[in-house]
N, C-alpha and C. Protein backbone atom coordinates (compact mmCIF):
# COMPACT_ATOMS: atom_id res chain seq x y z
N UNK A 1 -2.87 -3.02 -4.05
CA UNK A 1 -4.19 -3.45 -3.65
C UNK A 1 -4.15 -3.99 -2.23
N UNK A 2 -5.09 -3.61 -1.42
CA UNK A 2 -5.17 -4.05 -0.04
C UNK A 2 -5.86 -5.40 0.05
N UNK A 3 -5.28 -6.28 0.87
CA UNK A 3 -5.91 -7.57 1.15
C UNK A 3 -7.00 -7.38 2.20
N UNK A 4 -6.84 -6.35 3.05
CA UNK A 4 -7.80 -6.11 4.12
C UNK A 4 -9.02 -5.36 3.59
N UNK A 5 -10.14 -6.05 3.59
CA UNK A 5 -11.39 -5.48 3.12
C UNK A 5 -12.39 -5.61 4.27
N UNK A 6 -13.10 -4.52 4.63
CA UNK A 6 -14.05 -4.61 5.73
C UNK A 6 -15.01 -5.79 5.55
N UNK A 7 -15.17 -6.56 6.61
CA UNK A 7 -16.11 -7.68 6.61
C UNK A 7 -15.59 -8.97 6.01
N UNK A 8 -14.36 -8.98 5.49
CA UNK A 8 -13.79 -10.19 4.88
C UNK A 8 -12.75 -10.77 5.83
N UNK A 9 -12.82 -12.08 6.04
CA UNK A 9 -11.88 -12.77 6.92
C UNK A 9 -10.67 -13.23 6.10
N UNK A 10 -9.48 -12.96 6.63
CA UNK A 10 -8.23 -13.44 6.03
C UNK A 10 -7.55 -14.37 7.03
N UNK A 11 -7.08 -15.52 6.58
CA UNK A 11 -6.35 -16.45 7.44
C UNK A 11 -4.87 -16.10 7.38
N UNK A 12 -4.41 -15.37 8.39
CA UNK A 12 -3.02 -14.89 8.40
C UNK A 12 -2.01 -16.03 8.51
N UNK A 13 -2.46 -17.21 8.91
CA UNK A 13 -1.53 -18.34 9.03
C UNK A 13 -1.28 -19.03 7.70
N UNK A 14 -2.12 -18.75 6.70
CA UNK A 14 -1.97 -19.47 5.42
C UNK A 14 -1.68 -18.57 4.22
N UNK A 15 -1.59 -17.27 4.42
CA UNK A 15 -1.25 -16.37 3.31
C UNK A 15 0.17 -16.67 2.85
N UNK A 16 0.33 -16.91 1.56
CA UNK A 16 1.64 -17.28 1.01
C UNK A 16 2.59 -16.08 1.05
N UNK A 17 3.83 -16.34 1.46
CA UNK A 17 4.87 -15.32 1.49
C UNK A 17 6.06 -15.79 0.66
N UNK A 18 6.56 -14.93 -0.20
CA UNK A 18 7.78 -15.24 -0.96
C UNK A 18 8.98 -14.90 -0.08
N UNK A 19 9.82 -15.89 0.18
CA UNK A 19 10.99 -15.70 1.04
C UNK A 19 12.23 -15.35 0.22
N UNK A 20 13.10 -14.56 0.83
CA UNK A 20 14.41 -14.24 0.27
C UNK A 20 15.46 -14.48 1.33
N UNK A 21 16.68 -14.80 0.90
CA UNK A 21 17.78 -15.00 1.84
C UNK A 21 18.06 -13.70 2.58
N UNK A 22 18.39 -13.82 3.86
CA UNK A 22 18.80 -12.66 4.65
C UNK A 22 20.14 -12.18 4.10
N UNK A 23 20.31 -10.88 3.86
CA UNK A 23 21.59 -10.37 3.34
C UNK A 23 22.76 -10.79 4.23
N UNK A 24 23.89 -11.07 3.60
CA UNK A 24 25.08 -11.56 4.32
C UNK A 24 25.46 -10.68 5.49
N UNK A 25 25.33 -9.35 5.34
CA UNK A 25 25.74 -8.45 6.42
C UNK A 25 24.81 -8.53 7.64
N UNK A 26 23.63 -9.12 7.49
CA UNK A 26 22.70 -9.29 8.60
C UNK A 26 22.69 -10.72 9.14
N UNK A 27 23.18 -11.66 8.36
CA UNK A 27 23.13 -13.08 8.74
C UNK A 27 24.20 -13.38 9.78
N UNK A 28 23.80 -13.99 10.89
CA UNK A 28 24.73 -14.32 11.97
C UNK A 28 24.95 -15.82 12.06
N UNK A 29 23.89 -16.62 11.94
CA UNK A 29 24.01 -18.07 12.02
C UNK A 29 22.95 -18.73 11.15
N UNK A 30 23.32 -19.86 10.56
CA UNK A 30 22.40 -20.58 9.70
C UNK A 30 22.21 -19.85 8.38
N UNK A 31 21.14 -20.20 7.70
CA UNK A 31 20.80 -19.58 6.42
C UNK A 31 19.35 -19.11 6.45
N UNK A 32 19.05 -18.17 7.35
CA UNK A 32 17.65 -17.75 7.48
C UNK A 32 17.15 -17.00 6.24
N UNK A 33 15.85 -17.12 6.04
CA UNK A 33 15.16 -16.36 5.00
C UNK A 33 14.04 -15.58 5.67
N UNK A 34 13.60 -14.53 4.99
CA UNK A 34 12.44 -13.77 5.48
C UNK A 34 11.48 -13.53 4.33
N UNK A 35 10.22 -13.39 4.68
CA UNK A 35 9.20 -13.06 3.72
C UNK A 35 8.20 -12.12 4.37
N UNK A 36 7.60 -11.27 3.56
CA UNK A 36 6.63 -10.32 4.11
C UNK A 36 5.61 -9.95 3.05
N UNK A 37 4.44 -9.56 3.51
CA UNK A 37 3.42 -9.03 2.63
C UNK A 37 2.67 -7.94 3.38
N UNK A 38 2.45 -6.84 2.71
CA UNK A 38 1.63 -5.77 3.29
C UNK A 38 0.17 -6.12 3.04
N UNK A 39 -0.61 -6.11 4.10
CA UNK A 39 -2.03 -6.43 3.98
C UNK A 39 -2.86 -5.20 3.66
N UNK A 40 -2.41 -4.05 4.16
CA UNK A 40 -3.15 -2.82 3.94
C UNK A 40 -2.76 -1.77 4.97
N UNK A 41 -3.55 -0.73 5.04
CA UNK A 41 -3.29 0.36 5.97
C UNK A 41 -4.49 0.56 6.87
N UNK A 42 -4.21 1.08 8.05
CA UNK A 42 -5.25 1.44 9.00
C UNK A 42 -4.85 2.81 9.52
N UNK A 43 -5.53 3.85 9.08
CA UNK A 43 -5.07 5.21 9.38
C UNK A 43 -3.72 5.40 8.70
N UNK A 44 -2.73 5.85 9.47
CA UNK A 44 -1.38 6.05 8.93
C UNK A 44 -0.50 4.82 9.11
N UNK A 45 -1.02 3.75 9.68
CA UNK A 45 -0.21 2.57 9.98
C UNK A 45 -0.32 1.52 8.88
N UNK A 46 0.81 0.85 8.64
CA UNK A 46 0.85 -0.29 7.73
C UNK A 46 0.61 -1.56 8.53
N UNK A 47 -0.18 -2.47 7.98
CA UNK A 47 -0.43 -3.77 8.60
C UNK A 47 0.06 -4.83 7.64
N UNK A 48 0.80 -5.81 8.16
CA UNK A 48 1.31 -6.85 7.30
C UNK A 48 1.68 -8.11 8.06
N UNK A 49 2.18 -9.07 7.31
CA UNK A 49 2.66 -10.33 7.87
C UNK A 49 4.13 -10.44 7.53
N UNK A 50 4.92 -10.86 8.50
CA UNK A 50 6.37 -11.07 8.34
C UNK A 50 6.70 -12.44 8.88
N UNK A 51 7.62 -13.13 8.21
CA UNK A 51 8.01 -14.47 8.62
C UNK A 51 9.51 -14.64 8.47
N UNK A 52 10.11 -15.37 9.41
CA UNK A 52 11.55 -15.68 9.34
C UNK A 52 11.73 -17.16 9.61
N UNK A 53 12.58 -17.80 8.79
CA UNK A 53 12.89 -19.21 9.00
C UNK A 53 13.96 -19.35 10.08
N UNK A 54 14.27 -20.58 10.42
CA UNK A 54 15.25 -20.87 11.48
C UNK A 54 16.61 -20.27 11.14
N UNK A 55 17.21 -19.63 12.12
CA UNK A 55 18.53 -19.02 11.97
C UNK A 55 18.61 -17.76 12.83
N UNK A 56 19.72 -17.04 12.66
CA UNK A 56 19.95 -15.83 13.45
C UNK A 56 20.34 -14.68 12.54
N UNK A 57 19.75 -13.51 12.77
CA UNK A 57 20.04 -12.32 11.98
C UNK A 57 19.97 -11.07 12.85
N UNK A 58 20.64 -10.02 12.40
CA UNK A 58 20.54 -8.72 13.06
C UNK A 58 19.59 -7.85 12.27
N UNK A 59 19.05 -6.84 12.93
CA UNK A 59 18.13 -5.93 12.27
C UNK A 59 18.09 -4.62 13.05
N UNK A 60 17.59 -3.58 12.41
CA UNK A 60 17.28 -2.31 13.06
C UNK A 60 15.78 -2.12 12.87
N UNK A 61 15.08 -2.00 13.97
CA UNK A 61 13.62 -2.03 13.94
C UNK A 61 12.99 -0.70 13.55
N UNK A 62 11.77 -0.81 13.02
CA UNK A 62 10.90 0.35 12.85
C UNK A 62 9.96 0.36 14.05
N UNK A 63 9.27 1.45 14.26
CA UNK A 63 8.30 1.55 15.35
C UNK A 63 7.14 0.62 15.02
N UNK A 64 6.92 -0.40 15.84
CA UNK A 64 5.86 -1.36 15.52
C UNK A 64 5.34 -2.09 16.75
N UNK A 65 4.16 -2.64 16.56
CA UNK A 65 3.56 -3.61 17.48
C UNK A 65 3.34 -4.86 16.66
N UNK A 66 3.65 -6.03 17.23
CA UNK A 66 3.37 -7.26 16.50
C UNK A 66 2.78 -8.32 17.41
N UNK A 67 2.06 -9.26 16.77
CA UNK A 67 1.48 -10.41 17.44
C UNK A 67 2.03 -11.65 16.75
N UNK A 68 2.65 -12.53 17.51
CA UNK A 68 3.20 -13.76 16.94
C UNK A 68 2.06 -14.75 16.71
N UNK A 69 1.98 -15.24 15.47
CA UNK A 69 0.96 -16.22 15.11
C UNK A 69 1.45 -17.65 15.33
N UNK A 70 2.73 -17.88 15.01
CA UNK A 70 3.30 -19.22 15.14
C UNK A 70 4.81 -19.11 15.23
N UNK A 71 5.42 -20.16 15.77
CA UNK A 71 6.87 -20.21 15.85
C UNK A 71 7.40 -19.78 17.20
N UNK A 72 8.73 -19.72 17.25
CA UNK A 72 9.41 -19.42 18.52
C UNK A 72 10.74 -18.75 18.21
N UNK A 73 11.09 -17.74 19.03
CA UNK A 73 12.35 -17.03 18.84
C UNK A 73 12.76 -16.31 20.12
N UNK A 74 14.03 -15.95 20.17
CA UNK A 74 14.50 -15.00 21.17
C UNK A 74 14.92 -13.75 20.40
N UNK A 75 14.68 -12.61 21.00
CA UNK A 75 15.04 -11.34 20.39
C UNK A 75 15.89 -10.58 21.39
N UNK A 76 17.13 -10.30 21.00
CA UNK A 76 18.01 -9.49 21.84
C UNK A 76 17.81 -8.04 21.44
N UNK A 77 17.47 -7.21 22.42
CA UNK A 77 17.26 -5.78 22.19
C UNK A 77 18.51 -5.04 22.62
N UNK A 78 19.06 -4.22 21.74
CA UNK A 78 20.28 -3.45 21.99
C UNK A 78 21.41 -4.35 22.53
N UNK A 79 21.72 -5.45 21.79
CA UNK A 79 22.75 -6.39 22.26
C UNK A 79 24.09 -5.70 22.50
N UNK A 80 24.71 -6.05 23.63
CA UNK A 80 26.02 -5.49 23.96
C UNK A 80 25.97 -4.11 24.58
N UNK A 81 24.81 -3.50 24.62
CA UNK A 81 24.69 -2.14 25.16
C UNK A 81 24.27 -2.16 26.62
N UNK A 82 24.28 -0.99 27.26
CA UNK A 82 23.91 -0.91 28.68
C UNK A 82 22.44 -1.25 28.93
N UNK A 83 21.60 -1.12 27.91
CA UNK A 83 20.18 -1.42 28.06
C UNK A 83 19.80 -2.75 27.43
N UNK A 84 20.79 -3.64 27.25
CA UNK A 84 20.54 -4.93 26.60
C UNK A 84 19.48 -5.72 27.35
N UNK A 85 18.63 -6.38 26.58
CA UNK A 85 17.56 -7.19 27.14
C UNK A 85 17.25 -8.29 26.14
N UNK A 86 16.89 -9.47 26.62
CA UNK A 86 16.50 -10.57 25.74
C UNK A 86 15.08 -10.98 26.08
N UNK A 87 14.25 -11.08 25.04
CA UNK A 87 12.87 -11.53 25.24
C UNK A 87 12.66 -12.81 24.45
N UNK A 88 11.73 -13.63 24.92
CA UNK A 88 11.34 -14.84 24.20
C UNK A 88 9.93 -14.63 23.70
N UNK A 89 9.71 -14.99 22.43
CA UNK A 89 8.39 -14.83 21.84
C UNK A 89 7.92 -16.15 21.25
N UNK A 90 6.61 -16.35 21.30
CA UNK A 90 5.99 -17.54 20.72
C UNK A 90 4.54 -17.18 20.41
N UNK A 91 3.80 -18.12 19.86
CA UNK A 91 2.42 -17.85 19.46
C UNK A 91 1.65 -17.18 20.60
N UNK A 92 1.02 -16.07 20.27
CA UNK A 92 0.25 -15.30 21.24
C UNK A 92 0.98 -14.12 21.84
N UNK A 93 2.31 -14.06 21.67
CA UNK A 93 3.08 -12.92 22.22
C UNK A 93 2.70 -11.64 21.50
N UNK A 94 2.52 -10.58 22.27
CA UNK A 94 2.27 -9.24 21.74
C UNK A 94 3.45 -8.38 22.19
N UNK A 95 4.14 -7.76 21.23
CA UNK A 95 5.38 -7.04 21.52
C UNK A 95 5.37 -5.67 20.87
N UNK A 96 5.91 -4.70 21.56
CA UNK A 96 6.09 -3.33 21.03
C UNK A 96 7.58 -3.11 20.85
N UNK A 97 8.01 -2.71 19.65
CA UNK A 97 9.41 -2.37 19.37
C UNK A 97 9.49 -0.89 19.02
N UNK A 98 10.52 -0.23 19.53
CA UNK A 98 10.74 1.18 19.24
C UNK A 98 11.60 1.31 17.99
N UNK A 99 11.27 2.27 17.14
CA UNK A 99 12.06 2.52 15.95
C UNK A 99 13.51 2.81 16.29
N UNK A 100 14.43 2.24 15.51
CA UNK A 100 15.86 2.46 15.71
C UNK A 100 16.52 1.47 16.65
N UNK A 101 15.74 0.59 17.28
CA UNK A 101 16.30 -0.41 18.19
C UNK A 101 17.09 -1.45 17.40
N UNK A 102 18.33 -1.69 17.82
CA UNK A 102 19.14 -2.76 17.23
C UNK A 102 18.70 -4.08 17.85
N UNK A 103 18.52 -5.11 17.01
CA UNK A 103 18.06 -6.40 17.51
C UNK A 103 18.85 -7.53 16.89
N UNK A 104 18.83 -8.67 17.58
CA UNK A 104 19.31 -9.93 17.03
C UNK A 104 18.18 -10.93 17.23
N UNK A 105 17.70 -11.48 16.11
CA UNK A 105 16.62 -12.46 16.12
C UNK A 105 17.22 -13.85 15.98
N UNK A 106 16.94 -14.73 16.95
CA UNK A 106 17.33 -16.13 16.85
C UNK A 106 16.05 -16.95 16.81
N UNK A 107 15.73 -17.45 15.63
CA UNK A 107 14.49 -18.19 15.42
C UNK A 107 14.80 -19.69 15.49
N UNK A 108 14.09 -20.38 16.38
CA UNK A 108 14.29 -21.82 16.55
C UNK A 108 13.15 -22.63 15.92
N UNK A 109 12.06 -21.95 15.59
CA UNK A 109 10.91 -22.55 14.91
C UNK A 109 10.33 -21.43 14.05
N UNK A 110 10.21 -21.65 12.74
CA UNK A 110 9.79 -20.59 11.82
C UNK A 110 8.75 -19.68 12.47
N UNK A 111 9.07 -18.39 12.47
CA UNK A 111 8.27 -17.38 13.18
C UNK A 111 7.43 -16.59 12.19
N UNK A 112 6.14 -16.49 12.47
CA UNK A 112 5.24 -15.67 11.65
C UNK A 112 4.52 -14.71 12.58
N UNK A 113 4.48 -13.43 12.17
CA UNK A 113 3.83 -12.42 12.99
C UNK A 113 3.01 -11.48 12.12
N UNK A 114 1.98 -10.90 12.72
CA UNK A 114 1.25 -9.79 12.12
C UNK A 114 1.80 -8.54 12.76
N UNK A 115 2.17 -7.57 11.93
CA UNK A 115 2.74 -6.33 12.47
C UNK A 115 1.88 -5.13 12.09
N UNK A 116 1.96 -4.12 12.93
CA UNK A 116 1.36 -2.81 12.67
C UNK A 116 2.47 -1.80 12.88
N UNK A 117 2.80 -1.05 11.83
CA UNK A 117 3.90 -0.08 11.95
C UNK A 117 3.56 1.22 11.23
């Protein structure tokens, strides 16, 4: 069932998310957890909310655009590679990630984002 209904307002900052521990093979520092909920679809794209608690984890990204609602983090793109880059994100940041990009997320304040993928 889609949470997104035309004409209905949803408060993305207060939608409850069930968190799970980040798998050991992705966990780099701390004991981060992540939670997500799919809100619905728009055309062929999925829209949802994703949240990560304080800590550091690795990931391989899907093709997406996201808007940070709250929190703060640094994201290393292709760490250790010739195209390595580090970005800082916080509330209001709008970011485009390419599918297949290796990342390291270091969250210093629980991060919540709305994503479209």
